[in-house]
Amino acid sequence: MAVPVRLHASTRRGEPPTTNATTGEVRVPIALYALDEHRGDTDLVMARSEAARLFNELAQALGYVAAPPRQRSLEAVR
């Protein structure tokens, strides 16, 4: 019986996600691995709505609760 290869992806260090304000595209640079062997790099490309939905689903699966944005006082804006 063959042992299945354990594939995973991680964000690439030092390369933050980028967005395109015109198209709404979100690009997340990721590194691809088989076990712990690096197999290549690529970008995960999504529409802004897809990225927001993915973030919300991951946060919920991990038990994080999204906090409402804090109100800033006028003094904090200066």
N, C-alpha and C. Protein backbone atom coordinates (compact mmCIF):
# COMPACT_ATOMS: atom_id res chain seq x y z
N MET A 1 0.84 -1.18 0.00
CA MET A 1 0.00 0.00 0.00
C MET A 1 0.89 1.24 0.00
N ALA A 2 0.63 2.16 -0.92
CA ALA A 2 1.41 3.39 -1.02
C ALA A 2 1.00 4.39 0.05
N VAL A 3 1.98 5.06 0.60
CA VAL A 3 1.73 6.10 1.60
C VAL A 3 1.42 7.39 0.85
N PRO A 4 0.29 8.06 1.18
CA PRO A 4 -0.04 9.29 0.47
C PRO A 4 0.97 10.39 0.80
N VAL A 5 1.29 11.19 -0.20
CA VAL A 5 2.19 12.32 -0.01
C VAL A 5 1.42 13.41 0.72
N ARG A 6 2.05 14.00 1.70
CA ARG A 6 1.40 15.08 2.46
C ARG A 6 1.81 16.41 1.85
N LEU A 7 0.86 17.00 1.15
CA LEU A 7 1.08 18.27 0.48
C LEU A 7 0.57 19.41 1.34
N HIS A 8 1.26 20.53 1.31
CA HIS A 8 0.76 21.72 1.99
C HIS A 8 1.37 22.96 1.36
N ALA A 9 0.79 24.09 1.71
CA ALA A 9 1.26 25.38 1.21
C ALA A 9 1.40 26.33 2.39
N SER A 10 2.36 27.22 2.29
CA SER A 10 2.57 28.25 3.31
C SER A 10 2.80 29.58 2.61
N THR A 11 2.48 30.65 3.30
CA THR A 11 2.80 31.95 2.72
C THR A 11 4.32 32.09 2.64
N ARG A 12 4.78 32.81 1.63
CA ARG A 12 6.22 33.01 1.48
C ARG A 12 6.68 34.13 2.40
N ARG A 13 7.72 33.86 3.16
CA ARG A 13 8.25 34.83 4.13
C ARG A 13 8.72 36.09 3.42
N GLY A 14 8.36 37.21 4.02
CA GLY A 14 8.82 38.49 3.50
C GLY A 14 8.09 38.97 2.26
N GLU A 15 7.05 38.25 1.84
CA GLU A 15 6.28 38.63 0.67
C GLU A 15 4.81 38.76 1.06
N PRO A 16 4.38 39.97 1.40
CA PRO A 16 3.00 40.16 1.85
C PRO A 16 2.01 40.04 0.69
N PRO A 17 0.75 39.75 1.01
CA PRO A 17 -0.30 39.75 -0.02
C PRO A 17 -0.41 41.15 -0.63
N THR A 18 -0.85 41.19 -1.88
CA THR A 18 -1.05 42.47 -2.55
C THR A 18 -2.48 42.52 -3.10
N THR A 19 -2.96 43.74 -3.28
CA THR A 19 -4.29 43.93 -3.86
C THR A 19 -4.19 44.91 -5.01
N ASN A 20 -5.11 44.78 -5.94
CA ASN A 20 -5.22 45.71 -7.06
C ASN A 20 -6.52 46.47 -6.86
N ALA A 21 -6.42 47.76 -6.58
CA ALA A 21 -7.60 48.57 -6.28
C ALA A 21 -8.54 48.67 -7.47
N THR A 22 -8.01 48.57 -8.68
CA THR A 22 -8.85 48.70 -9.88
C THR A 22 -9.68 47.45 -10.13
N THR A 23 -9.04 46.28 -10.05
CA THR A 23 -9.73 45.02 -10.36
C THR A 23 -10.30 44.32 -9.13
N GLY A 24 -9.78 44.66 -7.94
CA GLY A 24 -10.21 43.98 -6.72
C GLY A 24 -9.49 42.66 -6.51
N GLU A 25 -8.50 42.37 -7.34
CA GLU A 25 -7.75 41.12 -7.25
C GLU A 25 -6.86 41.12 -6.01
N VAL A 26 -6.81 39.97 -5.34
CA VAL A 26 -5.93 39.77 -4.19
C VAL A 26 -4.96 38.66 -4.56
N ARG A 27 -3.66 38.91 -4.37
CA ARG A 27 -2.62 37.90 -4.65
C ARG A 27 -1.89 37.57 -3.36
N VAL A 28 -1.84 36.27 -3.03
CA VAL A 28 -1.14 35.81 -1.84
C VAL A 28 0.01 34.92 -2.31
N PRO A 29 1.26 35.35 -2.12
CA PRO A 29 2.40 34.52 -2.53
C PRO A 29 2.52 33.30 -1.62
N ILE A 30 2.55 32.11 -2.20
CA ILE A 30 2.64 30.89 -1.40
C ILE A 30 3.77 29.99 -1.90
N ALA A 31 4.29 29.20 -0.98
CA ALA A 31 5.29 28.18 -1.28
C ALA A 31 4.61 26.82 -1.16
N LEU A 32 4.91 25.92 -2.08
CA LEU A 32 4.30 24.59 -2.11
C LEU A 32 5.29 23.55 -1.61
N TYR A 33 4.80 22.63 -0.77
CA TYR A 33 5.66 21.61 -0.17
C TYR A 33 5.05 20.22 -0.30
N ALA A 34 5.92 19.21 -0.43
CA ALA A 34 5.56 17.80 -0.27
C ALA A 34 6.34 17.36 0.96
N LEU A 35 5.62 17.04 2.02
CA LEU A 35 6.22 16.86 3.34
C LEU A 35 6.94 18.16 3.68
N ASP A 36 8.24 18.13 3.89
CA ASP A 36 8.97 19.36 4.19
C ASP A 36 9.89 19.76 3.04
N GLU A 37 9.68 19.20 1.87
CA GLU A 37 10.52 19.51 0.71
C GLU A 37 9.84 20.58 -0.15
N HIS A 38 10.53 21.69 -0.32
CA HIS A 38 9.98 22.79 -1.13
C HIS A 38 9.87 22.34 -2.57
N ARG A 39 8.69 22.50 -3.16
CA ARG A 39 8.44 22.06 -4.53
C ARG A 39 8.18 23.20 -5.50
N GLY A 40 8.06 24.42 -5.00
CA GLY A 40 7.85 25.55 -5.91
C GLY A 40 7.08 26.67 -5.26
N ASP A 41 6.98 27.76 -6.00
CA ASP A 41 6.26 28.95 -5.55
C ASP A 41 5.19 29.32 -6.56
N THR A 42 4.13 29.91 -6.07
CA THR A 42 3.07 30.40 -6.95
C THR A 42 2.29 31.47 -6.19
N ASP A 43 1.35 32.09 -6.85
CA ASP A 43 0.47 33.05 -6.21
C ASP A 43 -0.94 32.49 -6.17
N LEU A 44 -1.59 32.61 -5.04
CA LEU A 44 -3.00 32.30 -4.91
C LEU A 44 -3.73 33.59 -5.29
N VAL A 45 -4.52 33.57 -6.36
CA VAL A 45 -5.17 34.77 -6.87
C VAL A 45 -6.68 34.63 -6.69
N MET A 46 -7.28 35.64 -6.03
CA MET A 46 -8.71 35.62 -5.75
C MET A 46 -9.30 37.00 -5.96
N ALA A 47 -10.61 37.02 -6.16
CA ALA A 47 -11.34 38.29 -6.12
C ALA A 47 -11.43 38.71 -4.66
N ARG A 48 -11.59 40.00 -4.43
CA ARG A 48 -11.67 40.52 -3.06
C ARG A 48 -12.78 39.81 -2.26
N SER A 49 -13.92 39.57 -2.89
CA SER A 49 -15.03 38.90 -2.19
C SER A 49 -14.65 37.46 -1.83
N GLU A 50 -13.92 36.78 -2.71
CA GLU A 50 -13.48 35.41 -2.41
C GLU A 50 -12.48 35.40 -1.25
N ALA A 51 -11.57 36.37 -1.24
CA ALA A 51 -10.58 36.46 -0.17
C ALA A 51 -11.26 36.72 1.17
N ALA A 52 -12.25 37.62 1.17
CA ALA A 52 -12.97 37.92 2.41
C ALA A 52 -13.73 36.68 2.90
N ARG A 53 -14.36 35.96 1.99
CA ARG A 53 -15.11 34.75 2.36
C ARG A 53 -14.15 33.68 2.91
N LEU A 54 -13.00 33.50 2.26
CA LEU A 54 -12.02 32.52 2.73
C LEU A 54 -11.52 32.90 4.12
N PHE A 55 -11.19 34.17 4.32
CA PHE A 55 -10.72 34.63 5.63
C PHE A 55 -11.77 34.35 6.70
N ASN A 56 -13.02 34.69 6.42
CA ASN A 56 -14.09 34.48 7.41
C ASN A 56 -14.28 33.00 7.73
N GLU A 57 -14.23 32.14 6.71
CA GLU A 57 -14.41 30.71 6.95
C GLU A 57 -13.24 30.13 7.75
N LEU A 58 -12.02 30.56 7.43
CA LEU A 58 -10.86 30.08 8.19
C LEU A 58 -10.92 30.57 9.64
N ALA A 59 -11.26 31.84 9.82
CA ALA A 59 -11.36 32.39 11.17
C ALA A 59 -12.41 31.64 11.99
N GLN A 60 -13.54 31.35 11.37
CA GLN A 60 -14.60 30.61 12.07
C GLN A 60 -14.14 29.20 12.40
N ALA A 61 -13.48 28.53 11.45
CA ALA A 61 -13.02 27.17 11.69
C ALA A 61 -11.97 27.12 12.81
N LEU A 62 -11.20 28.20 12.95
CA LEU A 62 -10.17 28.26 13.98
C LEU A 62 -10.69 28.82 15.30
N GLY A 63 -11.97 29.20 15.33
CA GLY A 63 -12.58 29.67 16.55
C GLY A 63 -12.37 31.14 16.85
N TYR A 64 -11.92 31.90 15.86
CA TYR A 64 -11.75 33.35 16.07
C TYR A 64 -13.06 34.06 15.83
N VAL A 65 -13.32 35.07 16.64
CA VAL A 65 -14.52 35.87 16.49
C VAL A 65 -14.09 37.24 16.01
N ALA A 66 -14.65 37.68 14.92
CA ALA A 66 -14.30 39.00 14.39
C ALA A 66 -14.85 40.08 15.30
N ALA A 67 -13.98 40.94 15.76
CA ALA A 67 -14.40 42.05 16.62
C ALA A 67 -14.83 43.22 15.74
N PRO A 68 -15.88 43.92 16.14
CA PRO A 68 -16.29 45.10 15.36
C PRO A 68 -15.20 46.15 15.42
N PRO A 69 -15.06 46.98 14.37
CA PRO A 69 -14.02 48.00 14.38
C PRO A 69 -14.22 48.96 15.55
N ARG A 70 -13.11 49.37 16.14
CA ARG A 70 -13.19 50.29 17.27
C ARG A 70 -13.48 51.69 16.78
N GLN A 71 -14.31 52.40 17.51
CA GLN A 71 -14.59 53.80 17.22
C GLN A 71 -13.40 54.62 17.69
N ARG A 72 -12.94 55.53 16.84
CA ARG A 72 -11.84 56.39 17.24
C ARG A 72 -12.38 57.76 17.61
N SER A 73 -11.80 58.31 18.64
CA SER A 73 -12.22 59.65 19.04
C SER A 73 -11.61 60.68 18.07
N LEU A 74 -12.12 61.88 18.09
CA LEU A 74 -11.58 62.92 17.23
C LEU A 74 -10.11 63.20 17.56
N GLU A 75 -9.74 63.07 18.83
CA GLU A 75 -8.36 63.29 19.23
C GLU A 75 -7.43 62.28 18.58
N ALA A 76 -7.89 61.02 18.43
CA ALA A 76 -7.06 59.98 17.84
C ALA A 76 -6.83 60.21 16.35
N VAL A 77 -7.72 60.94 15.70
CA VAL A 77 -7.62 61.17 14.27
C VAL A 77 -6.54 62.20 13.97
N ARG A 78 -6.32 63.14 14.87
CA ARG A 78 -5.33 64.21 14.64
C ARG A 78 -3.99 63.63 14.57
